[in-house]
C-alpha atoms as a PDB file:
ATOM      1  CA  UNK A   1       0.000   0.000   0.000  1.00  0.00           C
ATOM      2  CA  UNK A   2       1.297   3.505  -0.773  1.00  0.00           C
ATOM      3  CA  UNK A   3       2.635   5.511   2.158  1.00  0.00           C
ATOM      4  CA  UNK A   4       0.879   8.798   2.910  1.00  0.00           C
ATOM      5  CA  UNK A   5       3.500  11.049   4.550  1.00  0.00           C
ATOM      6  CA  UNK A   6       2.883  12.489   8.000  1.00  0.00           C
ATOM      7  CA  UNK A   7       4.762  15.428   9.527  1.00  0.00           C
ATOM      8  CA  UNK A   8       7.433  14.047  11.850  1.00  0.00           C
ATOM      9  CA  UNK A   9       9.509  10.920  12.406  1.00  0.00           C
ATOM     10  CA  UNK A  10      11.281  10.144  15.690  1.00  0.00           C
ATOM     11  CA  UNK A  11      14.971   9.431  15.082  1.00  0.00           C
ATOM     12  CA  UNK A  12      17.342   8.770  17.966  1.00  0.00           C
ATOM     13  CA  UNK A  13      15.513  11.037  20.364  1.00  0.00           C
ATOM     14  CA  UNK A  14      14.649  13.873  17.983  1.00  0.00           C
ATOM     15  CA  UNK A  15      11.574  14.661  15.924  1.00  0.00           C
ATOM     16  CA  UNK A  16      12.670  15.099  12.316  1.00  0.00           C
ATOM     17  CA  UNK A  17      10.665  16.389   9.361  1.00  0.00           C
ATOM     18  CA  UNK A  18       9.389  13.495   7.255  1.00  0.00           C
ATOM     19  CA  UNK A  19      11.428  14.537   4.210  1.00  0.00           C
ATOM     20  CA  UNK A  20      14.617  14.856   6.283  1.00  0.00           C
ATOM     21  CA  UNK A  21      14.470  11.384   7.869  1.00  0.00           C
ATOM     22  CA  UNK A  22      17.425   9.989   5.909  1.00  0.00           C
ATOM     23  CA  UNK A  23      20.321   7.583   6.402  1.00  0.00           C
ATOM     24  CA  UNK A  24      23.680   7.231   4.648  1.00  0.00           C
ATOM     25  CA  UNK A  25      23.982   4.863   1.695  1.00  0.00           C
ATOM     26  CA  UNK A  26      26.653   2.949   3.639  1.00  0.00           C
ATOM     27  CA  UNK A  27      24.333   2.267   6.563  1.00  0.00           C
ATOM     28  CA  UNK A  28      25.206  -1.261   7.695  1.00  0.00           C
ATOM     29  CA  UNK A  29      21.652  -2.628   7.704  1.00  0.00           C
ATOM     30  CA  UNK A  30      21.154  -1.549   4.084  1.00  0.00           C
ATOM     31  CA  UNK A  31      23.995  -3.878   3.059  1.00  0.00           C
ATOM     32  CA  UNK A  32      23.600  -6.852   5.386  1.00  0.00           C
ATOM     33  CA  UNK A  33      19.982  -6.756   6.526  1.00  0.00           C
ATOM     34  CA  UNK A  34      20.630  -6.975  10.269  1.00  0.00           C
ATOM     35  CA  UNK A  35      17.987  -4.964  12.084  1.00  0.00           C
ATOM     36  CA  UNK A  36      14.677  -5.458  13.859  1.00  0.00           C
ATOM     37  CA  UNK A  37      11.295  -3.811  13.518  1.00  0.00           C
ATOM     38  CA  UNK A  38       7.704  -3.849  14.658  1.00  0.00           C
ATOM     39  CA  UNK A  39       4.366  -3.131  13.062  1.00  0.00           C
ATOM     40  CA  UNK A  40       1.885  -1.446  15.404  1.00  0.00           C
ATOM     41  CA  UNK A  41      -1.495   0.232  14.945  1.00  0.00           C
ATOM     42  CA  UNK A  42      -3.175   3.102  16.722  1.00  0.00           C
ATOM     43  CA  UNK A  43      -6.953   3.199  16.507  1.00  0.00           C
ATOM     44  CA  UNK A  44      -9.425   6.028  16.821  1.00  0.00           C
ATOM     45  CA  UNK A  45     -11.448   5.708  20.030  1.00  0.00           C
ATOM     46  CA  UNK A  46     -13.811   7.877  22.044  1.00  0.00           C
ATOM     47  CA  UNK A  47     -10.856   8.682  24.316  1.00  0.00           C
ATOM     48  CA  UNK A  48      -8.529   9.693  21.495  1.00  0.00           C
ATOM     49  CA  UNK A  49      -5.915   7.640  19.617  1.00  0.00           C
ATOM     50  CA  UNK A  50      -5.096   4.373  21.384  1.00  0.00           C
ATOM     51  CA  UNK A  51      -2.142   2.200  20.407  1.00  0.00           C
ATOM     52  CA  UNK A  52      -3.061  -1.470  20.339  1.00  0.00           C
ATOM     53  CA  UNK A  53      -0.901  -3.407  22.795  1.00  0.00           C
ATOM     54  CA  UNK A  54       1.979  -0.977  22.476  1.00  0.00           C
ATOM     55  CA  UNK A  55       4.090  -2.279  25.365  1.00  0.00           C
ATOM     56  CA  UNK A  56       4.030  -5.944  24.204  1.00  0.00           C
ATOM     57  CA  UNK A  57       5.044  -4.797  20.734  1.00  0.00           C
ATOM     58  CA  UNK A  58       8.013  -2.829  22.051  1.00  0.00           C
ATOM     59  CA  UNK A  59       8.951  -5.746  24.304  1.00  0.00           C
ATOM     60  CA  UNK A  60       9.004  -7.987  21.234  1.00  0.00           C
ATOM     61  CA  UNK A  61      11.279  -5.455  19.520  1.00  0.00           C
ATOM     62  CA  UNK A  62      13.741  -5.847  22.394  1.00  0.00           C
ATOM     63  CA  UNK A  63      13.376  -9.634  22.314  1.00  0.00           C
ATOM     64  CA  UNK A  64      14.121  -9.672  18.588  1.00  0.00           C
ATOM     65  CA  UNK A  65      17.136  -7.445  19.144  1.00  0.00           C
ATOM     66  CA  UNK A  66      18.452  -9.746  21.857  1.00  0.00           C
ATOM     67  CA  UNK A  67      18.166 -12.772  19.581  1.00  0.00           C
ATOM     68  CA  UNK A  68      20.121 -10.952  16.854  1.00  0.00           C
ATOM     69  CA  UNK A  69      22.705  -9.522  19.311  1.00  0.00           C
ATOM     70  CA  UNK A  70      21.609  -5.910  18.799  1.00  0.00           C
ATOM     71  CA  UNK A  71      21.934  -3.688  21.860  1.00  0.00           C
ATOM     72  CA  UNK A  72      19.179  -1.061  21.642  1.00  0.00           C
ATOM     73  CA  UNK A  73      20.428   2.145  23.348  1.00  0.00           C
ATOM     74  CA  UNK A  74      17.041   3.008  24.886  1.00  0.00           C
ATOM     75  CA  UNK A  75      14.814   1.500  27.525  1.00  0.00           C
ATOM     76  CA  UNK A  76      11.455  -0.064  26.839  1.00  0.00           C
ATOM     77  CA  UNK A  77       9.697   2.835  28.581  1.00  0.00           C
ATOM     78  CA  UNK A  78      11.613   5.378  26.511  1.00  0.00           C
ATOM     79  CA  UNK A  79      10.481   3.773  23.257  1.00  0.00           C
ATOM     80  CA  UNK A  80       6.899   3.413  24.495  1.00  0.00           C
ATOM     81  CA  UNK A  81       6.876   7.143  25.291  1.00  0.00           C
ATOM     82  CA  UNK A  82       8.552   7.990  21.982  1.00  0.00           C
ATOM     83  CA  UNK A  83       5.896   6.034  20.088  1.00  0.00           C
ATOM     84  CA  UNK A  84       3.113   7.927  21.818  1.00  0.00           C
ATOM     85  CA  UNK A  85       4.930  11.193  21.148  1.00  0.00           C
ATOM     86  CA  UNK A  86       5.248  10.611  17.414  1.00  0.00           C
ATOM     87  CA  UNK A  87       1.561   9.685  17.102  1.00  0.00           C
ATOM     88  CA  UNK A  88       0.586  12.724  19.169  1.00  0.00           C
ATOM     89  CA  UNK A  89       2.745  15.223  17.282  1.00  0.00           C
ATOM     90  CA  UNK A  90       1.441  14.029  13.923  1.00  0.00           C
ATOM     91  CA  UNK A  91      -2.150  14.529  15.051  1.00  0.00           C
ATOM     92  CA  UNK A  92      -3.394  11.276  13.558  1.00  0.00           C
ATOM     93  CA  UNK A  93      -6.603   9.762  14.985  1.00  0.00           C
ATOM     94  CA  UNK A  94      -5.502   6.344  13.687  1.00  0.00           C
ATOM     95  CA  UNK A  95      -2.322   5.170  12.007  1.00  0.00           C
ATOM     96  CA  UNK A  96       0.216   2.456  11.366  1.00  0.00           C
ATOM     97  CA  UNK A  97       3.444   2.710  13.370  1.00  0.00           C
ATOM     98  CA  UNK A  98       6.861   1.365  12.375  1.00  0.00           C
ATOM     99  CA  UNK A  99       9.641   1.258  15.011  1.00  0.00           C
ATOM    100  CA  UNK A 100      12.981   0.205  13.533  1.00  0.00           C
ATOM    101  CA  UNK A 101      16.312  -0.542  15.211  1.00  0.00           C
ATOM    102  CA  UNK A 102      19.075  -0.660  12.638  1.00  0.00           C
ATOM    103  CA  UNK A 103      22.853  -0.736  12.413  1.00  0.00           C
ATOM    104  CA  UNK A 104      24.067   2.632  11.248  1.00  0.00           C
ATOM    105  CA  UNK A 105      26.903   4.203   9.321  1.00  0.00           C
ATOM    106  CA  UNK A 106      30.545   3.869  10.335  1.00  0.00           C
ATOM    107  CA  UNK A 107      31.432   0.181  10.180  1.00  0.00           C
ATOM    108  CA  UNK A 108      31.416  -2.283   7.281  1.00  0.00           C
ATOM    109  CA  UNK A 109      31.864  -6.030   7.289  1.00  0.00           C
ATOM    110  CA  UNK A 110      30.061  -9.129   8.473  1.00  0.00           C
ATOM    111  CA  UNK A 111      30.777  -8.541  12.162  1.00  0.00           C
ATOM    112  CA  UNK A 112      27.901  -6.312  13.324  1.00  0.00           C
ATOM    113  CA  UNK A 113      29.060  -5.927  16.930  1.00  0.00           C
ATOM    114  CA  UNK A 114      31.076  -2.682  16.501  1.00  0.00           C
ATOM    115  CA  UNK A 115      28.212  -0.930  14.660  1.00  0.00           C
ATOM    116  CA  UNK A 116      26.247   1.876  16.234  1.00  0.00           C
ATOM    117  CA  UNK A 117      22.574   1.125  16.760  1.00  0.00           C
ATOM    118  CA  UNK A 118      20.043   3.705  15.596  1.00  0.00           C
ATOM    119  CA  UNK A 119      16.316   3.736  16.290  1.00  0.00           C
ATOM    120  CA  UNK A 120      13.527   5.399  14.360  1.00  0.00           C
ATOM    121  CA  UNK A 121       9.752   5.466  14.818  1.00  0.00           C
ATOM    122  CA  UNK A 122       7.463   6.570  11.997  1.00  0.00           C
ATOM    123  CA  UNK A 123       3.689   6.609  11.654  1.00  0.00           C
ATOM    124  CA  UNK A 124       1.275   7.312   8.828  1.00  0.00           C
ATOM    125  CA  UNK A 125      -2.390   6.801   7.903  1.00  0.00           C
ATOM    126  CA  UNK A 126      -3.039   3.278   6.627  1.00  0.00           C
ATOM    127  CA  UNK A 127      -6.162   1.343   5.773  1.00  0.00           C
ATOM    128  CA  UNK A 128      -6.822  -2.385   5.605  1.00  0.00           C
ATOM    129  CA  UNK A 129      -3.611  -4.133   4.513  1.00  0.00           C
ATOM    130  CA  UNK A 130      -5.365  -6.757   2.369  1.00  0.00           C
ATOM    131  CA  UNK A 131      -8.196  -4.433   1.316  1.00  0.00           C
ATOM    132  CA  UNK A 132     -11.427  -3.370   2.996  1.00  0.00           C
ATOM    133  CA  UNK A 133     -13.484  -5.937   1.074  1.00  0.00           C
ATOM    134  CA  UNK A 134     -11.259  -8.758   2.338  1.00  0.00           C
ATOM    135  CA  UNK A 135     -12.408  -8.141   5.897  1.00  0.00           C
ATOM    136  CA  UNK A 136     -15.887  -9.295   4.853  1.00  0.00           C
ATOM    137  CA  UNK A 137     -15.439 -11.682   1.938  1.00  0.00           C
ATOM    138  CA  UNK A 138     -12.041 -13.158   2.742  1.00  0.00           C
ATOM    139  CA  UNK A 139      -8.810 -13.656   0.810  1.00  0.00           C
ATOM    140  CA  UNK A 140      -7.598 -16.245  -1.682  1.00  0.00           C
ATOM    141  CA  UNK A 141      -4.413 -18.008  -0.599  1.00  0.00           C
ATOM    142  CA  UNK A 142      -1.848 -20.363  -2.053  1.00  0.00           C
ATOM    143  CA  UNK A 143       0.709 -22.581  -0.369  1.00  0.00           C
ATOM    144  CA  UNK A 144       4.047 -21.251  -1.524  1.00  0.00           C
ATOM    145  CA  UNK A 145       6.864 -23.378  -2.905  1.00  0.00           C
ATOM    146  CA  UNK A 146       9.164 -21.266  -0.726  1.00  0.00           C
ATOM    147  CA  UNK A 147       9.609 -22.779   2.741  1.00  0.00           C
ATOM    148  CA  UNK A 148       9.629 -20.881   6.003  1.00  0.00           C
ATOM    149  CA  UNK A 149      13.261 -20.675   7.055  1.00  0.00           C
ATOM    150  CA  UNK A 150      14.663 -23.263   9.434  1.00  0.00           C
ATOM    151  CA  UNK A 151      15.067 -22.002  13.039  1.00  0.00           C
ATOM    152  CA  UNK A 152      18.723 -23.046  12.995  1.00  0.00           C
ATOM    153  CA  UNK A 153      19.335 -21.065   9.812  1.00  0.00           C
ATOM    154  CA  UNK A 154      17.443 -17.894  10.753  1.00  0.00           C
ATOM    155  CA  UNK A 155      15.516 -17.624  14.023  1.00  0.00           C
ATOM    156  CA  UNK A 156      11.839 -17.028  13.135  1.00  0.00           C
ATOM    157  CA  UNK A 157      11.207 -15.837  16.698  1.00  0.00           C
ATOM    158  CA  UNK A 158      12.986 -12.586  15.769  1.00  0.00           C
ATOM    159  CA  UNK A 159      11.248  -9.986  13.630  1.00  0.00           C
ATOM    160  CA  UNK A 160      14.444  -9.310  11.714  1.00  0.00           C
ATOM    161  CA  UNK A 161      14.718  -6.984   8.731  1.00  0.00           C
ATOM    162  CA  UNK A 162      16.569  -9.222   6.253  1.00  0.00           C
ATOM    163  CA  UNK A 163      14.605 -12.296   7.239  1.00  0.00           C
ATOM    164  CA  UNK A 164      11.559 -10.922   5.434  1.00  0.00           C
ATOM    165  CA  UNK A 165      13.125 -11.711   2.061  1.00  0.00           C
ATOM    166  CA  UNK A 166      11.650 -15.156   2.774  1.00  0.00           C
ATOM    167  CA  UNK A 167       8.187 -13.631   3.060  1.00  0.00           C
ATOM    168  CA  UNK A 168       8.692 -11.370   0.052  1.00  0.00           C
ATOM    169  CA  UNK A 169       9.577 -14.297  -2.221  1.00  0.00           C
ATOM    170  CA  UNK A 170       6.391 -16.074  -1.209  1.00  0.00           C
ATOM    171  CA  UNK A 171       4.296 -12.901  -1.525  1.00  0.00           C
ATOM    172  CA  UNK A 172       5.591 -12.146  -5.023  1.00  0.00           C
ATOM    173  CA  UNK A 173       4.913 -15.713  -6.113  1.00  0.00           C
ATOM    174  CA  UNK A 174       1.337 -15.533  -4.808  1.00  0.00           C
ATOM    175  CA  UNK A 175       0.530 -12.132  -6.313  1.00  0.00           C
ATOM    176  CA  UNK A 176       1.944 -13.073  -9.718  1.00  0.00           C
ATOM    177  CA  UNK A 177      -0.146 -16.246  -9.640  1.00  0.00           C
ATOM    178  CA  UNK A 178      -3.319 -14.229  -8.947  1.00  0.00           C
ATOM    179  CA  UNK A 179      -3.711 -14.850  -5.213  1.00  0.00           C
ATOM    180  CA  UNK A 180      -3.940 -12.356  -2.361  1.00  0.00           C
ATOM    181  CA  UNK A 181      -1.515 -13.975   0.041  1.00  0.00           C
ATOM    182  CA  UNK A 182       0.773 -16.969   0.545  1.00  0.00           C
ATOM    183  CA  UNK A 183       1.136 -19.641   3.205  1.00  0.00           C
ATOM    184  CA  UNK A 184       4.575 -21.013   4.037  1.00  0.00           C
ATOM    185  CA  UNK A 185       5.310 -24.522   5.257  1.00  0.00           C
ATOM    186  CA  UNK A 186       8.060 -25.422   7.699  1.00  0.00           C
ATOM    187  CA  UNK A 187      11.042 -27.525   6.561  1.00  0.00           C
ATOM    188  CA  UNK A 188       9.208 -30.473   8.175  1.00  0.00           C
ATOM    189  CA  UNK A 189       6.141 -29.872   5.992  1.00  0.00           C
ATOM    190  CA  UNK A 190       3.791 -28.369   8.575  1.00  0.00           C
ATOM    191  CA  UNK A 191       1.873 -25.132   8.075  1.00  0.00           C
ATOM    192  CA  UNK A 192       3.933 -22.305   9.551  1.00  0.00           C
ATOM    193  CA  UNK A 193       2.401 -18.895   8.849  1.00  0.00           C
ATOM    194  CA  UNK A 194       1.586 -16.474   6.058  1.00  0.00           C
ATOM    195  CA  UNK A 195       4.005 -13.871   4.727  1.00  0.00           C
ATOM    196  CA  UNK A 196       3.153 -11.470   7.537  1.00  0.00           C
ATOM    197  CA  UNK A 197       0.312 -13.043   9.468  1.00  0.00           C
ATOM    198  CA  UNK A 198      -0.512 -15.941  11.733  1.00  0.00           C
ATOM    199  CA  UNK A 199      -3.003 -18.455  10.380  1.00  0.00           C
ATOM    200  CA  UNK A 200      -5.890 -20.286  12.053  1.00  0.00           C
ATOM    201  CA  UNK A 201      -8.255 -23.026  10.994  1.00  0.00           C
ATOM    202  CA  UNK A 202     -11.621 -23.862  12.542  1.00  0.00           C
ATOM    203  CA  UNK A 203     -12.655 -27.519  12.594  1.00  0.00           C
ATOM    204  CA  UNK A 204     -15.628 -28.910  14.521  1.00  0.00           C
ATOM    205  CA  UNK A 205     -15.942 -25.683  16.481  1.00  0.00           C
ATOM    206  CA  UNK A 206     -12.285 -25.631  17.543  1.00  0.00           C
ATOM    207  CA  UNK A 207      -9.669 -23.022  16.555  1.00  0.00           C
ATOM    208  CA  UNK A 208      -6.199 -24.399  15.796  1.00  0.00           C
ATOM    209  CA  UNK A 209      -3.067 -22.352  15.048  1.00  0.00           C
ATOM    210  CA  UNK A 210       0.508 -23.526  14.309  1.00  0.00           C
ATOM    211  CA  UNK A 211       3.100 -23.568  17.113  1.00  0.00           C
ATOM    212  CA  UNK A 212       6.299 -21.535  17.158  1.00  0.00           C
ATOM    213  CA  UNK A 213       8.140 -24.834  16.582  1.00  0.00           C
ATOM    214  CA  UNK A 214       6.669 -24.794  13.051  1.00  0.00           C
ATOM    215  CA  UNK A 215       8.349 -21.445  12.440  1.00  0.00           C
ATOM    216  CA  UNK A 216       5.435 -19.165  13.289  1.00  0.00           C
ATOM    217  CA  UNK A 217       6.212 -15.780  14.821  1.00  0.00           C
ATOM    218  CA  UNK A 218       4.489 -15.426  18.174  1.00  0.00           C
ATOM    219  CA  UNK A 219       1.881 -12.840  17.212  1.00  0.00           C
ATOM    220  CA  UNK A 220       0.607 -10.000  19.370  1.00  0.00           C
ATOM    221  CA  UNK A 221      -2.736 -10.061  17.549  1.00  0.00           C
ATOM    222  CA  UNK A 222      -2.628 -13.864  17.636  1.00  0.00           C
ATOM    223  CA  UNK A 223      -2.553 -13.809  21.443  1.00  0.00           C
ATOM    224  CA  UNK A 224      -5.484 -11.372  21.417  1.00  0.00           C
ATOM    225  CA  UNK A 225      -7.433 -13.847  19.273  1.00  0.00           C
ATOM    226  CA  UNK A 226      -6.594 -16.562  21.824  1.00  0.00           C
ATOM    227  CA  UNK A 227      -7.917 -14.430  24.679  1.00  0.00           C
ATOM    228  CA  UNK A 228     -11.102 -13.539  22.785  1.00  0.00           C
ATOM    229  CA  UNK A 229     -11.755 -17.192  21.913  1.00  0.00           C
ATOM    230  CA  UNK A 230     -11.243 -18.335  25.501  1.00  0.00           C
ATOM    231  CA  UNK A 231     -13.564 -15.639  26.832  1.00  0.00           C
ATOM    232  CA  UNK A 232     -16.225 -16.750  24.350  1.00  0.00           C
ATOM    233  CA  UNK A 233     -15.820 -20.385  25.330  1.00  0.00           C
ATOM    234  CA  UNK A 234     -14.475 -21.359  21.913  1.00  0.00           C
ATOM    235  CA  UNK A 235     -11.928 -24.221  22.190  1.00  0.00           C
ATOM    236  CA  UNK A 236      -8.482 -23.032  21.085  1.00  0.00           C
ATOM    237  CA  UNK A 237      -5.313 -25.023  20.665  1.00  0.00           C
ATOM    238  CA  UNK A 238      -1.809 -24.677  19.300  1.00  0.00           C
ATOM    239  CA  UNK A 239      -0.851 -27.667  17.181  1.00  0.00           C
ATOM    240  CA  UNK A 240       0.685 -28.774  13.923  1.00  0.00           C
ATOM    241  CA  UNK A 241      -1.481 -28.303  10.842  1.00  0.00           C
ATOM    242  CA  UNK A 242      -1.047 -30.211   7.592  1.00  0.00           C
ATOM    243  CA  UNK A 243      -1.580 -28.676   4.181  1.00  0.00           C
ATOM    244  CA  UNK A 244      -4.583 -30.948   3.702  1.00  0.00           C
ATOM    245  CA  UNK A 245      -6.085 -29.615   6.939  1.00  0.00           C
ATOM    246  CA  UNK A 246      -6.338 -26.218   5.264  1.00  0.00           C
ATOM    247  CA  UNK A 247      -8.404 -27.690   2.438  1.00  0.00           C
ATOM    248  CA  UNK A 248     -10.905 -29.389   4.729  1.00  0.00           C
ATOM    249  CA  UNK A 249     -11.275 -26.662   7.357  1.00  0.00           C
ATOM    250  CA  UNK A 250     -14.772 -25.476   8.222  1.00  0.00           C
ATOM    251  CA  UNK A 251     -13.404 -21.929   8.476  1.00  0.00           C
ATOM    252  CA  UNK A 252      -9.993 -20.307   8.282  1.00  0.00           C
ATOM    253  CA  UNK A 253      -8.667 -16.866   9.012  1.00  0.00           C
ATOM    254  CA  UNK A 254      -5.464 -14.969   9.562  1.00  0.00           C
ATOM    255  CA  UNK A 255      -4.361 -12.290  11.978  1.00  0.00           C
ATOM    256  CA  UNK A 256      -1.649  -9.666  12.180  1.00  0.00           C
ATOM    257  CA  UNK A 257      -1.173  -6.035  13.060  1.00  0.00           C
ATOM    258  CA  UNK A 258      -1.286  -4.921   9.433  1.00  0.00           C
ATOM    259  CA  UNK A 259      -3.918  -7.419   8.269  1.00  0.00           C
ATOM    260  CA  UNK A 260      -5.951  -7.334  11.528  1.00  0.00           C
ATOM    261  CA  UNK A 261      -8.400 -10.309  11.427  1.00  0.00           C
ATOM    262  CA  UNK A 262      -9.235 -11.514   7.905  1.00  0.00           C
ATOM    263  CA  UNK A 263     -11.224 -14.590   6.791  1.00  0.00           C
ATOM    264  CA  UNK A 264      -9.731 -16.974   4.234  1.00  0.00           C
ATOM    265  CA  UNK A 265     -12.001 -17.709   1.284  1.00  0.00           C
ATOM    266  CA  UNK A 266      -9.877 -20.366  -0.407  1.00  0.00           C
ATOM    267  CA  UNK A 267      -6.508 -22.154  -0.303  1.00  0.00           C
ATOM    268  CA  UNK A 268      -4.943 -23.524  -3.502  1.00  0.00           C
ATOM    269  CA  UNK A 269      -8.324 -23.054  -5.226  1.00  0.00           C
ATOM    270  CA  UNK A 270     -10.068 -25.252  -2.638  1.00  0.00           C
ATOM    271  CA  UNK A 271     -13.005 -23.181  -1.464  1.00  0.00           C
ATOM    272  CA  UNK A 272     -13.424 -22.844   2.291  1.00  0.00           C
ATOM    273  CA  UNK A 273     -16.271 -20.381   1.948  1.00  0.00           C
ATOM    274  CA  UNK A 274     -17.549 -17.102   3.281  1.00  0.00           C
ATOM    275  CA  UNK A 275     -16.694 -15.813   6.722  1.00  0.00           C
ATOM    276  CA  UNK A 276     -18.030 -18.376   9.186  1.00  0.00           C
ATOM    277  CA  UNK A 277     -19.696 -17.823  12.557  1.00  0.00           C
ATOM    278  CA  UNK A 278     -16.574 -18.292  14.706  1.00  0.00           C
ATOM    279  CA  UNK A 279     -14.424 -16.076  12.486  1.00  0.00           C
ATOM    280  CA  UNK A 280     -17.196 -13.473  12.534  1.00  0.00           C
ATOM    281  CA  UNK A 281     -17.437 -13.470  16.328  1.00  0.00           C
ATOM    282  CA  UNK A 282     -13.680 -13.178  16.781  1.00  0.00           C
ATOM    283  CA  UNK A 283     -13.349 -10.478  14.145  1.00  0.00           C
ATOM    284  CA  UNK A 284     -16.219  -8.358  15.454  1.00  0.00           C
ATOM    285  CA  UNK A 285     -14.968  -8.578  19.038  1.00  0.00           C
ATOM    286  CA  UNK A 286     -11.430  -7.706  17.973  1.00  0.00           C
ATOM    287  CA  UNK A 287     -12.499  -4.559  16.143  1.00  0.00           C
ATOM    288  CA  UNK A 288     -14.701  -3.479  19.029  1.00  0.00           C
ATOM    289  CA  UNK A 289     -11.803  -4.044  21.450  1.00  0.00           C
ATOM    290  CA  UNK A 290      -9.223  -2.023  19.509  1.00  0.00           C
ATOM    291  CA  UNK A 291     -11.679   0.863  19.311  1.00  0.00           C
ATOM    292  CA  UNK A 292     -11.988   0.901  23.101  1.00  0.00           C
ATOM    293  CA  UNK A 293     -15.526  -0.462  23.157  1.00  0.00           C
ATOM    294  CA  UNK A 294     -14.925  -3.585  25.274  1.00  0.00           C
ATOM    295  CA  UNK A 295     -14.099  -2.935  28.919  1.00  0.00           C
ATOM    296  CA  UNK A 296     -12.721  -6.446  29.424  1.00  0.00           C
ATOM    297  CA  UNK A 297      -9.897  -5.655  26.998  1.00  0.00           C
ATOM    298  CA  UNK A 298      -9.245  -2.063  28.040  1.00  0.00           C
ATOM    299  CA  UNK A 299      -5.614  -2.878  28.938  1.00  0.00           C
ATOM    300  CA  UNK A 300      -4.962  -3.404  25.222  1.00  0.00           C
ATOM    301  CA  UNK A 301      -5.651   0.289  24.544  1.00  0.00           C
ATOM    302  CA  UNK A 302      -2.595   2.422  25.395  1.00  0.00           C
ATOM    303  CA  UNK A 303      -3.858   5.976  24.950  1.00  0.00           C
ATOM    304  CA  UNK A 304      -1.745   8.687  23.382  1.00  0.00           C
ATOM    305  CA  UNK A 305      -3.424  11.681  25.037  1.00  0.00           C
END
């Protein structure tokens, strides 16, 4: 989706004009891909902009950095406050937020340890990642020929910059083949995740989602779906899913910060169908929660003002 510029970007403790938020061409991360990021959303609520589960997102940024041996030169609280500041100063009622910790200019070579670590936080208006219509009618998926990377080759628990080449290859393949999104399998042949979302199937009234051992990133929105399902009394489990399980699911959906909660209409041209009752309940509750309309989930709304 095209980026609509906002006014300011937070860079290493300073608010910089959008057009001036630049890095040197010899920035280490540009060459070697070692960096970590998050995708976060702020939603418009009756109490002003509220960032959905901001603190867990920033905690995951630090966890990713630790896995990749990146020492972020700020505290969690400092980056939480900086995120709120950049949303506030841009005056956006709702937006997408992108924190990024990257290795900056000054060192070159495969050893990243001497590199300075820079942090930026940007935000801009953004609609539904897979399209507004997809939220109702669902998306068409394919199982990619590209595998999810092995955890001993690249750790999928880290939201690392260069690691998303894996997702991009699968996404390009799917789009060129006429699908909306791709599903990646683990090296062992189990369903892992989509290019940027967790995946769920519904079978006999039970929600099942792949485990982290299948290469799935532990999703912030995914854990919200788990909580919603439990509170509704819908059985929920984490377990290995076969490709054939996707074809025979009663319902299927995906979740992610960018995608939110989206039903799956088909996989590999096997029709699953329109948004089912369990997907509908989870999706409707999720959107009510992020807009500050469900008291039981009020801790998810971290208000900017």
